[in-house]
Amino acid sequence: MSMNKIEEPSTAPSPDQWYTLSLGSTFKDHQPSSKFCTLRYEFKPASIDKTQPGALHKTKDNKVSVEFNNNQPGKPKVTFEGNSGEDYKENDAVLLFDGHSFRLERLHHAVKRLRHNRLPGESSAAASAASSAADGGSSPVEVERIDIGDAGNS
């Protein structure tokens, strides 16, 4: 495999095959229990443990913090802070594939410019180099599982 080619994940849809497409709860329910948002990071370090879910906290004044476990044992969690941006339009959606079928869900909010909170002594140049090496350049869209909570319930 070439170093520049991005390999499809093992759950990627097979070509030349028909799949079931369903509308998710965000299209069916008047008050859906789940809401979907997009997160845009200014920088995302390689030290994020991608095998564990993250946590998102939103305050009443639209401040957002996102927290992930660190993949380096004994190191503190990787945190980001930003603001909840604009709401999406009614026809903006995301298509999710679970390995067997597709589900369409409405997008609700965009969180932009999440800034990585660096610890004292943590070098942004070293972290940037580690992230670039780990990502191998540009990458496709990633889906992250993030548990939602409010600022009062950490």
Protein backbone atom coordinates (compact mmCIF):
# COMPACT_ATOMS: atom_id res chain seq x y z
CA MET A 1 0.00 0.00 0.00
CA SER A 2 1.27 3.48 -0.87
CA MET A 3 2.01 5.83 2.05
CA ASN A 4 -0.21 8.53 0.49
CA LYS A 5 -3.28 6.33 0.03
CA ILE A 6 -5.85 6.45 2.82
CA GLU A 7 -7.17 2.97 3.57
CA GLU A 8 -10.92 2.58 4.00
CA PRO A 9 -12.00 1.48 7.47
CA SER A 10 -13.10 -2.15 7.81
CA THR A 11 -16.73 -1.00 8.17
CA ALA A 12 -16.71 0.94 4.90
CA PRO A 13 -19.57 0.13 2.52
CA SER A 14 -18.72 -2.31 -0.24
CA PRO A 15 -18.97 -0.98 -3.79
CA ASP A 16 -21.74 -2.24 -6.08
CA GLN A 17 -24.02 -3.24 -3.20
CA TRP A 18 -27.40 -1.88 -2.10
CA TYR A 19 -27.85 -0.85 1.53
CA THR A 20 -30.86 0.03 3.64
CA LEU A 21 -31.21 3.77 4.31
CA SER A 22 -33.38 4.87 7.22
CA LEU A 23 -34.28 8.21 8.71
CA GLY A 24 -33.04 8.57 12.28
CA SER A 25 -34.92 9.84 15.32
CA THR A 26 -33.93 13.45 14.56
CA PHE A 27 -36.21 13.29 11.51
CA LYS A 28 -39.03 11.31 13.15
CA ASP A 29 -39.39 12.80 16.64
CA HIS A 30 -40.66 16.32 17.30
CA GLN A 31 -38.32 16.50 20.35
CA PRO A 32 -35.53 13.98 19.54
CA SER A 33 -33.55 12.57 22.46
CA SER A 34 -30.31 12.76 20.42
CA LYS A 35 -28.84 15.79 18.71
CA PHE A 36 -25.89 15.86 16.35
CA CYS A 37 -23.28 18.59 16.02
CA THR A 38 -20.05 19.12 14.16
CA LEU A 39 -16.80 19.99 15.93
CA ARG A 40 -14.01 21.93 14.23
CA TYR A 41 -10.64 21.86 15.98
CA GLU A 42 -7.89 24.42 15.42
CA PHE A 43 -5.42 21.68 16.35
CA LYS A 44 -5.91 18.08 17.42
CA PRO A 45 -2.90 16.42 19.11
CA ALA A 46 -1.90 12.80 18.50
CA SER A 47 -2.12 12.12 22.25
CA ILE A 48 -5.93 11.71 22.10
CA ASP A 49 -7.03 8.15 22.93
CA LYS A 50 -9.30 7.37 19.97
CA THR A 51 -10.45 4.09 21.52
CA GLN A 52 -12.36 5.87 24.31
CA PRO A 53 -15.39 8.20 24.10
CA GLY A 54 -14.91 11.86 24.89
CA ALA A 55 -17.10 14.23 26.88
CA LEU A 56 -18.71 17.50 25.76
CA HIS A 57 -19.98 20.13 28.19
CA LYS A 58 -22.01 23.19 27.12
CA THR A 59 -22.91 26.04 29.43
CA LYS A 60 -25.95 28.30 29.19
CA ASP A 61 -23.78 31.06 27.68
CA ASN A 62 -22.78 28.73 24.78
CA LYS A 63 -19.26 27.96 26.00
CA VAL A 64 -18.20 24.46 25.01
CA SER A 65 -15.47 22.25 26.46
CA VAL A 66 -14.49 18.88 25.01
CA GLU A 67 -12.36 16.37 26.90
CA PHE A 68 -10.63 13.16 25.75
CA ASN A 69 -8.54 10.58 27.56
CA ASN A 70 -4.80 10.74 26.87
CA ASN A 71 -3.21 7.72 25.13
CA GLN A 72 -0.05 8.21 27.20
CA PRO A 73 -0.39 6.48 30.61
CA GLY A 74 -0.30 8.87 33.57
CA LYS A 75 -0.80 11.99 31.45
CA PRO A 76 -3.77 14.33 32.04
CA LYS A 77 -6.82 14.42 29.77
CA VAL A 78 -6.68 16.37 26.50
CA THR A 79 -9.10 19.31 26.69
CA PHE A 80 -10.44 21.88 24.24
CA GLU A 81 -12.52 25.03 24.70
CA GLY A 82 -14.64 26.96 22.24
CA ASN A 83 -18.05 28.45 21.56
CA SER A 84 -21.16 26.89 20.16
CA GLY A 85 -21.63 28.40 16.72
CA GLU A 86 -24.69 28.76 14.59
CA ASP A 87 -27.53 26.30 14.26
CA TYR A 88 -27.73 24.26 11.09
CA LYS A 89 -30.55 24.65 8.62
CA GLU A 90 -33.37 22.10 8.64
CA ASN A 91 -31.99 20.29 5.58
CA ASP A 92 -28.40 19.83 6.88
CA ALA A 93 -27.71 16.22 7.82
CA VAL A 94 -25.05 13.59 8.39
CA LEU A 95 -25.08 10.09 6.92
CA LEU A 96 -23.95 7.37 9.35
CA PHE A 97 -22.90 3.83 8.34
CA ASP A 98 -22.84 1.07 10.97
CA GLY A 99 -21.31 -1.65 8.78
CA HIS A 100 -24.71 -2.92 7.57
CA SER A 101 -26.98 0.04 6.82
CA PHE A 102 -27.08 3.83 6.53
CA ARG A 103 -28.96 6.22 8.82
CA LEU A 104 -29.62 9.87 8.06
CA GLU A 105 -29.66 12.26 11.06
CA ARG A 106 -30.31 15.98 11.16
CA LEU A 107 -27.42 18.23 12.24
CA HIS A 108 -28.25 20.77 14.96
CA HIS A 109 -25.23 22.86 15.98
CA ALA A 110 -21.75 23.70 14.72
CA VAL A 111 -18.95 24.13 17.26
CA LYS A 112 -16.08 25.98 15.63
CA ARG A 113 -12.53 26.86 16.59
CA LEU A 114 -12.06 24.48 19.48
CA ARG A 115 -8.71 25.42 21.01
CA HIS A 116 -6.45 22.84 22.66
CA ASN A 117 -5.72 23.76 26.29
CA ARG A 118 -2.01 23.11 26.67
CA LEU A 119 -0.46 22.45 30.05
CA PRO A 120 2.43 24.63 31.28
CA GLY A 121 5.62 23.39 29.62
CA GLU A 122 3.83 21.60 26.78
CA SER A 123 5.34 22.65 23.47
CA SER A 124 2.98 23.50 20.63
CA ALA A 125 5.74 22.78 18.05
CA ALA A 126 6.36 19.28 19.44
CA ALA A 127 2.64 18.58 19.69
CA SER A 128 2.06 19.81 16.13
CA ALA A 129 4.86 17.61 14.75
CA ALA A 130 3.49 14.58 16.61
CA SER A 131 0.00 15.23 15.28
CA SER A 132 1.18 15.65 11.67
CA ALA A 133 3.22 12.46 11.86
CA ALA A 134 0.31 10.51 13.36
CA ASP A 135 -2.25 11.82 10.87
CA GLY A 136 -0.05 11.33 7.81
CA GLY A 137 -1.23 14.67 6.39
CA SER A 138 -4.86 15.40 5.68
CA SER A 139 -7.44 12.89 6.81
CA PRO A 140 -11.07 12.10 5.97
CA VAL A 141 -13.91 13.11 8.26
CA GLU A 142 -13.76 11.32 11.60
CA VAL A 143 -16.79 10.41 13.67
CA GLU A 144 -16.26 10.63 17.40
CA ARG A 145 -18.49 9.36 20.15
CA ILE A 146 -18.84 12.09 22.71
CA ASP A 147 -21.01 11.79 25.79
CA ILE A 148 -23.04 14.92 26.45
CA GLY A 149 -23.33 16.59 29.83
CA ASP A 150 -24.01 20.02 31.21
CA ALA A 151 -21.47 22.16 33.00
CA GLY A 152 -22.96 21.35 36.40
CA ASN A 153 -22.67 17.57 35.96
CA SER A 154 -19.07 16.76 35.10
